[in-house]
Amino acid sequence: MARTKDPAVRSLLLERAAQMLRARQPVTLRTLVAGTGVSTMAVYTYFGGMDQLWKALRQEGFTRLAAKLAAVPASADPVRDLAALAAAYLANAVENPDLYRVMFDADFELEDAEAADETLHYLVRAVDRARAAGRFRDDVSPPELATQSWMIGHGLASLVVTGPLPHQALAHAVPMLTALFAGAGDEPGRCRRSVERGWDGP
């Protein structure tokens, strides 16, 4: 009879690997399990090897991001919702700094690339709603504007979570997103109010 895998052990190994990366410690099979109470065989049992563990670690970052974005309720104001999604993105990076570093490491493939892509589609759908509501011009491309919004969030997250800027710098997202959305056709004053309503500082 096959032994049931304990999801807590899988989570333990993922968290341990992320923490070691943050501390810039070399992650090997032996150093990964040192002090955890599990054997090196656990890495093979739960992941199939170290390469698969890295894939799972990247995927876990996107899984947590997707959960954070899914928790943002849609409102009657799609521009407010775009700002709220950006805030959720940044909050996820702040709450999971170790995983955030690994999410964009293209040296290892994702276990489920489509699931990772879905995180961007939350933004695409919100942009599409804003365009349908007349807040953005008809010629605005939802995927392009969503990508530009993501670039702002990713740039800030990288500079704050993994770089030199203080946490307070995340608030720069408000004027940056306002400028982006106003450039897409939204009325500047209304746009600023919507972004401020959606922004809940991470």
C-alpha atoms as a PDB file:
ATOM      1  CA  MET A   1       0.000   0.000   0.000  1.00  0.00           C
ATOM      2  CA  ALA A   2       1.399   3.408  -1.000  1.00  0.00           C
ATOM      3  CA  ARG A   3       2.235   5.734   1.829  1.00  0.00           C
ATOM      4  CA  THR A   4       0.203   8.948   1.920  1.00  0.00           C
ATOM      5  CA  LYS A   5       2.286  12.042   1.351  1.00  0.00           C
ATOM      6  CA  ASP A   6       2.124  14.743   3.996  1.00  0.00           C
ATOM      7  CA  PRO A   7       1.539  18.164   2.356  1.00  0.00           C
ATOM      8  CA  ALA A   8       3.169  19.778   5.392  1.00  0.00           C
ATOM      9  CA  VAL A   9       6.502  18.181   4.460  1.00  0.00           C
ATOM     10  CA  ARG A  10       6.229  19.508   0.899  1.00  0.00           C
ATOM     11  CA  SER A  11       5.475  23.004   2.217  1.00  0.00           C
ATOM     12  CA  LEU A  12       8.337  22.746   4.702  1.00  0.00           C
ATOM     13  CA  LEU A  13      10.855  21.999   1.959  1.00  0.00           C
ATOM     14  CA  LEU A  14       9.567  24.798  -0.269  1.00  0.00           C
ATOM     15  CA  GLU A  15       9.727  27.341   2.563  1.00  0.00           C
ATOM     16  CA  ARG A  16      13.173  26.151   3.565  1.00  0.00           C
ATOM     17  CA  ALA A  17      14.513  26.508   0.015  1.00  0.00           C
ATOM     18  CA  ALA A  18      13.054  30.019  -0.298  1.00  0.00           C
ATOM     19  CA  GLN A  19      14.543  31.106   3.026  1.00  0.00           C
ATOM     20  CA  MET A  20      17.959  29.775   2.066  1.00  0.00           C
ATOM     21  CA  LEU A  21      17.852  31.710  -1.178  1.00  0.00           C
ATOM     22  CA  ARG A  22      16.997  34.881   0.695  1.00  0.00           C
ATOM     23  CA  ALA A  23      19.967  34.326   3.012  1.00  0.00           C
ATOM     24  CA  ARG A  24      22.135  33.596  -0.035  1.00  0.00           C
ATOM     25  CA  GLN A  25      22.974  30.169   1.315  1.00  0.00           C
ATOM     26  CA  PRO A  26      23.893  27.413  -1.159  1.00  0.00           C
ATOM     27  CA  VAL A  27      20.912  25.125  -1.659  1.00  0.00           C
ATOM     28  CA  THR A  28      21.938  21.511  -2.084  1.00  0.00           C
ATOM     29  CA  LEU A  29      20.129  18.299  -1.312  1.00  0.00           C
ATOM     30  CA  ARG A  30      21.848  17.989   2.068  1.00  0.00           C
ATOM     31  CA  THR A  31      21.751  21.631   3.140  1.00  0.00           C
ATOM     32  CA  LEU A  32      18.064  21.800   2.233  1.00  0.00           C
ATOM     33  CA  VAL A  33      17.036  19.090   4.679  1.00  0.00           C
ATOM     34  CA  ALA A  34      19.558  19.954   7.405  1.00  0.00           C
ATOM     35  CA  GLY A  35      17.726  20.685  10.635  1.00  0.00           C
ATOM     36  CA  THR A  36      14.285  19.941   9.182  1.00  0.00           C
ATOM     37  CA  GLY A  37      13.897  16.447  10.565  1.00  0.00           C
ATOM     38  CA  VAL A  38      13.322  14.920   7.126  1.00  0.00           C
ATOM     39  CA  SER A  39      15.736  12.916   5.016  1.00  0.00           C
ATOM     40  CA  THR A  40      17.182  13.727   1.607  1.00  0.00           C
ATOM     41  CA  MET A  41      14.857  11.065   0.190  1.00  0.00           C
ATOM     42  CA  ALA A  42      11.936  13.394   0.960  1.00  0.00           C
ATOM     43  CA  VAL A  43      13.063  15.683  -1.877  1.00  0.00           C
ATOM     44  CA  TYR A  44      12.670  12.774  -4.311  1.00  0.00           C
ATOM     45  CA  THR A  45       9.468  11.550  -2.700  1.00  0.00           C
ATOM     46  CA  TYR A  46       7.725  14.911  -2.906  1.00  0.00           C
ATOM     47  CA  PHE A  47       9.359  16.472  -5.967  1.00  0.00           C
ATOM     48  CA  GLY A  48      11.348  13.866  -7.887  1.00  0.00           C
ATOM     49  CA  GLY A  49      14.609  15.762  -7.444  1.00  0.00           C
ATOM     50  CA  MET A  50      16.099  19.230  -7.036  1.00  0.00           C
ATOM     51  CA  ASP A  51      15.195  20.526 -10.512  1.00  0.00           C
ATOM     52  CA  GLN A  52      11.558  19.642  -9.914  1.00  0.00           C
ATOM     53  CA  LEU A  53      11.713  21.340  -6.521  1.00  0.00           C
ATOM     54  CA  TRP A  54      12.786  24.593  -8.201  1.00  0.00           C
ATOM     55  CA  LYS A  55       9.896  24.287 -10.651  1.00  0.00           C
ATOM     56  CA  ALA A  56       7.513  23.736  -7.748  1.00  0.00           C
ATOM     57  CA  LEU A  57       8.984  26.719  -5.904  1.00  0.00           C
ATOM     58  CA  ARG A  58       8.354  29.012  -8.892  1.00  0.00           C
ATOM     59  CA  GLN A  59       4.836  27.647  -9.231  1.00  0.00           C
ATOM     60  CA  GLU A  60       4.114  28.176  -5.546  1.00  0.00           C
ATOM     61  CA  GLY A  61       4.903  31.856  -5.980  1.00  0.00           C
ATOM     62  CA  PHE A  62       2.318  32.190  -8.747  1.00  0.00           C
ATOM     63  CA  THR A  63      -0.183  30.065  -6.821  1.00  0.00           C
ATOM     64  CA  ARG A  64      -0.022  32.468  -3.896  1.00  0.00           C
ATOM     65  CA  LEU A  65      -0.245  35.450  -6.212  1.00  0.00           C
ATOM     66  CA  ALA A  66      -3.320  34.010  -7.919  1.00  0.00           C
ATOM     67  CA  ALA A  67      -5.001  33.489  -4.548  1.00  0.00           C
ATOM     68  CA  LYS A  68      -4.235  37.089  -3.586  1.00  0.00           C
ATOM     69  CA  LEU A  69      -5.654  38.451  -6.838  1.00  0.00           C
ATOM     70  CA  ALA A  70      -8.727  36.228  -6.665  1.00  0.00           C
ATOM     71  CA  ALA A  71      -9.530  37.704  -3.250  1.00  0.00           C
ATOM     72  CA  VAL A  72      -9.912  41.199  -4.753  1.00  0.00           C
ATOM     73  CA  PRO A  73     -13.661  41.782  -5.181  1.00  0.00           C
ATOM     74  CA  ALA A  74     -14.931  43.288  -8.419  1.00  0.00           C
ATOM     75  CA  SER A  75     -16.742  46.587  -7.971  1.00  0.00           C
ATOM     76  CA  ALA A  76     -18.724  48.916 -10.199  1.00  0.00           C
ATOM     77  CA  ASP A  77     -15.499  50.878 -10.784  1.00  0.00           C
ATOM     78  CA  PRO A  78     -13.071  48.859 -12.955  1.00  0.00           C
ATOM     79  CA  VAL A  79     -10.301  51.461 -12.620  1.00  0.00           C
ATOM     80  CA  ARG A  80     -10.552  51.138  -8.849  1.00  0.00           C
ATOM     81  CA  ASP A  81     -10.330  47.377  -9.338  1.00  0.00           C
ATOM     82  CA  LEU A  82      -7.155  47.708 -11.417  1.00  0.00           C
ATOM     83  CA  ALA A  83      -5.521  49.673  -8.616  1.00  0.00           C
ATOM     84  CA  ALA A  84      -6.718  47.107  -6.069  1.00  0.00           C
ATOM     85  CA  LEU A  85      -5.197  44.297  -8.145  1.00  0.00           C
ATOM     86  CA  ALA A  86      -1.907  46.200  -8.327  1.00  0.00           C
ATOM     87  CA  ALA A  87      -1.972  46.646  -4.555  1.00  0.00           C
ATOM     88  CA  ALA A  88      -2.637  42.922  -4.125  1.00  0.00           C
ATOM     89  CA  TYR A  89       0.314  42.124  -6.407  1.00  0.00           C
ATOM     90  CA  LEU A  90       2.635  44.289  -4.333  1.00  0.00           C
ATOM     91  CA  ALA A  91       1.251  42.933  -1.064  1.00  0.00           C
ATOM     92  CA  ASN A  92       1.964  39.396  -2.243  1.00  0.00           C
ATOM     93  CA  ALA A  93       5.558  40.345  -3.039  1.00  0.00           C
ATOM     94  CA  VAL A  94       6.002  41.930   0.396  1.00  0.00           C
ATOM     95  CA  GLU A  95       4.457  38.945   2.179  1.00  0.00           C
ATOM     96  CA  ASN A  96       6.398  36.346   0.178  1.00  0.00           C
ATOM     97  CA  PRO A  97       9.748  37.983  -0.626  1.00  0.00           C
ATOM     98  CA  ASP A  98      11.630  34.701  -0.905  1.00  0.00           C
ATOM     99  CA  LEU A  99       9.177  33.185  -3.376  1.00  0.00           C
ATOM    100  CA  TYR A 100       8.958  36.455  -5.276  1.00  0.00           C
ATOM    101  CA  ARG A 101      12.650  36.222  -6.131  1.00  0.00           C
ATOM    102  CA  VAL A 102      12.176  32.741  -7.565  1.00  0.00           C
ATOM    103  CA  MET A 103       8.968  33.389  -9.518  1.00  0.00           C
ATOM    104  CA  PHE A 104      10.803  35.096 -12.352  1.00  0.00           C
ATOM    105  CA  ASP A 105      13.829  32.793 -12.518  1.00  0.00           C
ATOM    106  CA  ALA A 106      13.498  31.544 -16.085  1.00  0.00           C
ATOM    107  CA  ASP A 107      16.299  29.023 -15.558  1.00  0.00           C
ATOM    108  CA  PHE A 108      13.612  26.606 -14.377  1.00  0.00           C
ATOM    109  CA  GLU A 109      10.352  25.920 -16.170  1.00  0.00           C
ATOM    110  CA  LEU A 110       7.021  26.245 -14.438  1.00  0.00           C
ATOM    111  CA  GLU A 111       4.957  23.202 -13.605  1.00  0.00           C
ATOM    112  CA  ASP A 112       1.863  24.918 -15.016  1.00  0.00           C
ATOM    113  CA  ALA A 113       2.652  27.932 -17.203  1.00  0.00           C
ATOM    114  CA  GLU A 114      -1.022  28.524 -18.028  1.00  0.00           C
ATOM    115  CA  ALA A 115      -1.870  28.907 -14.347  1.00  0.00           C
ATOM    116  CA  ALA A 116       0.905  31.469 -14.022  1.00  0.00           C
ATOM    117  CA  ASP A 117      -0.358  33.351 -17.088  1.00  0.00           C
ATOM    118  CA  GLU A 118      -3.785  33.538 -15.492  1.00  0.00           C
ATOM    119  CA  THR A 119      -2.417  36.002 -12.925  1.00  0.00           C
ATOM    120  CA  LEU A 120      -1.961  38.566 -15.720  1.00  0.00           C
ATOM    121  CA  HIS A 121      -5.433  37.832 -17.043  1.00  0.00           C
ATOM    122  CA  TYR A 122      -6.970  39.266 -13.872  1.00  0.00           C
ATOM    123  CA  LEU A 123      -5.597  42.617 -15.031  1.00  0.00           C
ATOM    124  CA  VAL A 124      -6.597  42.036 -18.649  1.00  0.00           C
ATOM    125  CA  ARG A 125     -10.214  41.440 -17.654  1.00  0.00           C
ATOM    126  CA  ALA A 126     -10.293  44.568 -15.499  1.00  0.00           C
ATOM    127  CA  VAL A 127      -8.888  46.677 -18.354  1.00  0.00           C
ATOM    128  CA  ASP A 128     -11.483  45.197 -20.688  1.00  0.00           C
ATOM    129  CA  ARG A 129     -14.239  46.157 -18.234  1.00  0.00           C
ATOM    130  CA  ALA A 130     -12.866  49.695 -17.975  1.00  0.00           C
ATOM    131  CA  ARG A 131     -12.838  50.025 -21.750  1.00  0.00           C
ATOM    132  CA  ALA A 132     -16.397  48.666 -22.020  1.00  0.00           C
ATOM    133  CA  ALA A 133     -17.478  51.185 -19.368  1.00  0.00           C
ATOM    134  CA  GLY A 134     -16.060  54.061 -21.415  1.00  0.00           C
ATOM    135  CA  ARG A 135     -13.241  54.812 -18.982  1.00  0.00           C
ATOM    136  CA  PHE A 136     -10.562  53.849 -21.516  1.00  0.00           C
ATOM    137  CA  ARG A 137     -10.456  54.530 -25.253  1.00  0.00           C
ATOM    138  CA  ASP A 138     -11.727  51.861 -27.628  1.00  0.00           C
ATOM    139  CA  ASP A 139      -8.290  51.537 -29.216  1.00  0.00           C
ATOM    140  CA  VAL A 140      -6.662  50.541 -25.901  1.00  0.00           C
ATOM    141  CA  SER A 141      -5.387  46.962 -25.959  1.00  0.00           C
ATOM    142  CA  PRO A 142      -6.323  45.184 -22.701  1.00  0.00           C
ATOM    143  CA  PRO A 143      -3.292  42.840 -22.811  1.00  0.00           C
ATOM    144  CA  GLU A 144      -0.916  45.739 -23.480  1.00  0.00           C
ATOM    145  CA  LEU A 145      -2.290  48.016 -20.766  1.00  0.00           C
ATOM    146  CA  ALA A 146      -2.423  45.095 -18.330  1.00  0.00           C
ATOM    147  CA  THR A 147       1.230  44.347 -19.090  1.00  0.00           C
ATOM    148  CA  GLN A 148       2.170  47.998 -18.549  1.00  0.00           C
ATOM    149  CA  SER A 149       0.359  47.955 -15.190  1.00  0.00           C
ATOM    150  CA  TRP A 150       2.200  44.778 -14.253  1.00  0.00           C
ATOM    151  CA  MET A 151       5.523  46.346 -15.233  1.00  0.00           C
ATOM    152  CA  ILE A 152       4.900  49.211 -12.810  1.00  0.00           C
ATOM    153  CA  GLY A 153       4.061  46.779 -10.020  1.00  0.00           C
ATOM    154  CA  HIS A 154       6.961  44.482 -10.788  1.00  0.00           C
ATOM    155  CA  GLY A 155       9.425  47.358 -10.977  1.00  0.00           C
ATOM    156  CA  LEU A 156       8.364  48.711  -7.607  1.00  0.00           C
ATOM    157  CA  ALA A 157       8.297  45.270  -6.024  1.00  0.00           C
ATOM    158  CA  SER A 158      11.766  44.457  -7.311  1.00  0.00           C
ATOM    159  CA  LEU A 159      13.217  47.716  -6.026  1.00  0.00           C
ATOM    160  CA  VAL A 160      11.559  47.451  -2.615  1.00  0.00           C
ATOM    161  CA  VAL A 161      11.434  43.720  -1.895  1.00  0.00           C
ATOM    162  CA  THR A 162      14.716  42.744  -3.503  1.00  0.00           C
ATOM    163  CA  GLY A 163      16.412  46.114  -3.854  1.00  0.00           C
ATOM    164  CA  PRO A 164      17.403  49.383  -2.220  1.00  0.00           C
ATOM    165  CA  LEU A 165      14.163  51.354  -1.885  1.00  0.00           C
ATOM    166  CA  PRO A 166      12.257  51.638   1.425  1.00  0.00           C
ATOM    167  CA  HIS A 167       8.807  50.124   1.871  1.00  0.00           C
ATOM    168  CA  GLN A 168       7.223  53.580   1.634  1.00  0.00           C
ATOM    169  CA  ALA A 169       8.263  53.765  -2.034  1.00  0.00           C
ATOM    170  CA  LEU A 170       5.423  51.393  -2.911  1.00  0.00           C
ATOM    171  CA  ALA A 171       3.075  54.378  -2.602  1.00  0.00           C
ATOM    172  CA  HIS A 172       4.567  55.688  -5.865  1.00  0.00           C
ATOM    173  CA  ALA A 173       2.240  53.206  -7.539  1.00  0.00           C
ATOM    174  CA  VAL A 174      -0.678  55.624  -7.086  1.00  0.00           C
ATOM    175  CA  PRO A 175       0.604  58.502  -9.273  1.00  0.00           C
ATOM    176  CA  MET A 176       2.229  56.078 -11.725  1.00  0.00           C
ATOM    177  CA  LEU A 177      -0.968  54.082 -12.248  1.00  0.00           C
ATOM    178  CA  THR A 178      -3.008  57.282 -12.414  1.00  0.00           C
ATOM    179  CA  ALA A 179      -0.768  58.605 -15.199  1.00  0.00           C
ATOM    180  CA  LEU A 180      -0.958  55.300 -17.068  1.00  0.00           C
ATOM    181  CA  PHE A 181      -4.745  55.028 -16.877  1.00  0.00           C
ATOM    182  CA  ALA A 182      -5.312  58.713 -17.677  1.00  0.00           C
ATOM    183  CA  GLY A 183      -3.096  58.199 -20.714  1.00  0.00           C
ATOM    184  CA  ALA A 184      -5.435  55.379 -21.727  1.00  0.00           C
ATOM    185  CA  GLY A 185      -8.319  57.835 -21.802  1.00  0.00           C
ATOM    186  CA  ASP A 186      -9.647  58.145 -18.266  1.00  0.00           C
ATOM    187  CA  GLU A 187     -10.439  61.623 -16.945  1.00  0.00           C
ATOM    188  CA  PRO A 188      -7.470  62.535 -14.699  1.00  0.00           C
ATOM    189  CA  GLY A 189      -9.390  63.689 -11.623  1.00  0.00           C
ATOM    190  CA  ARG A 190     -11.796  60.773 -11.694  1.00  0.00           C
ATOM    191  CA  CYS A 191      -8.914  58.422 -12.406  1.00  0.00           C
ATOM    192  CA  ARG A 192      -6.950  59.614  -9.386  1.00  0.00           C
ATOM    193  CA  ARG A 193      -9.965  59.134  -7.114  1.00  0.00           C
ATOM    194  CA  SER A 194     -10.534  55.612  -8.430  1.00  0.00           C
ATOM    195  CA  VAL A 195      -6.898  54.633  -8.009  1.00  0.00           C
ATOM    196  CA  GLU A 196      -6.809  56.033  -4.468  1.00  0.00           C
ATOM    197  CA  ARG A 197      -9.973  54.089  -3.582  1.00  0.00           C
ATOM    198  CA  GLY A 198      -8.486  50.883  -4.941  1.00  0.00           C
ATOM    199  CA  TRP A 199      -5.101  51.361  -3.367  1.00  0.00           C
ATOM    200  CA  ASP A 200      -4.665  49.703  -0.017  1.00  0.00           C
ATOM    201  CA  GLY A 201      -0.976  50.150   0.682  1.00  0.00           C
ATOM    202  CA  PRO A 202       0.775  46.782   0.966  1.00  0.00           C
END
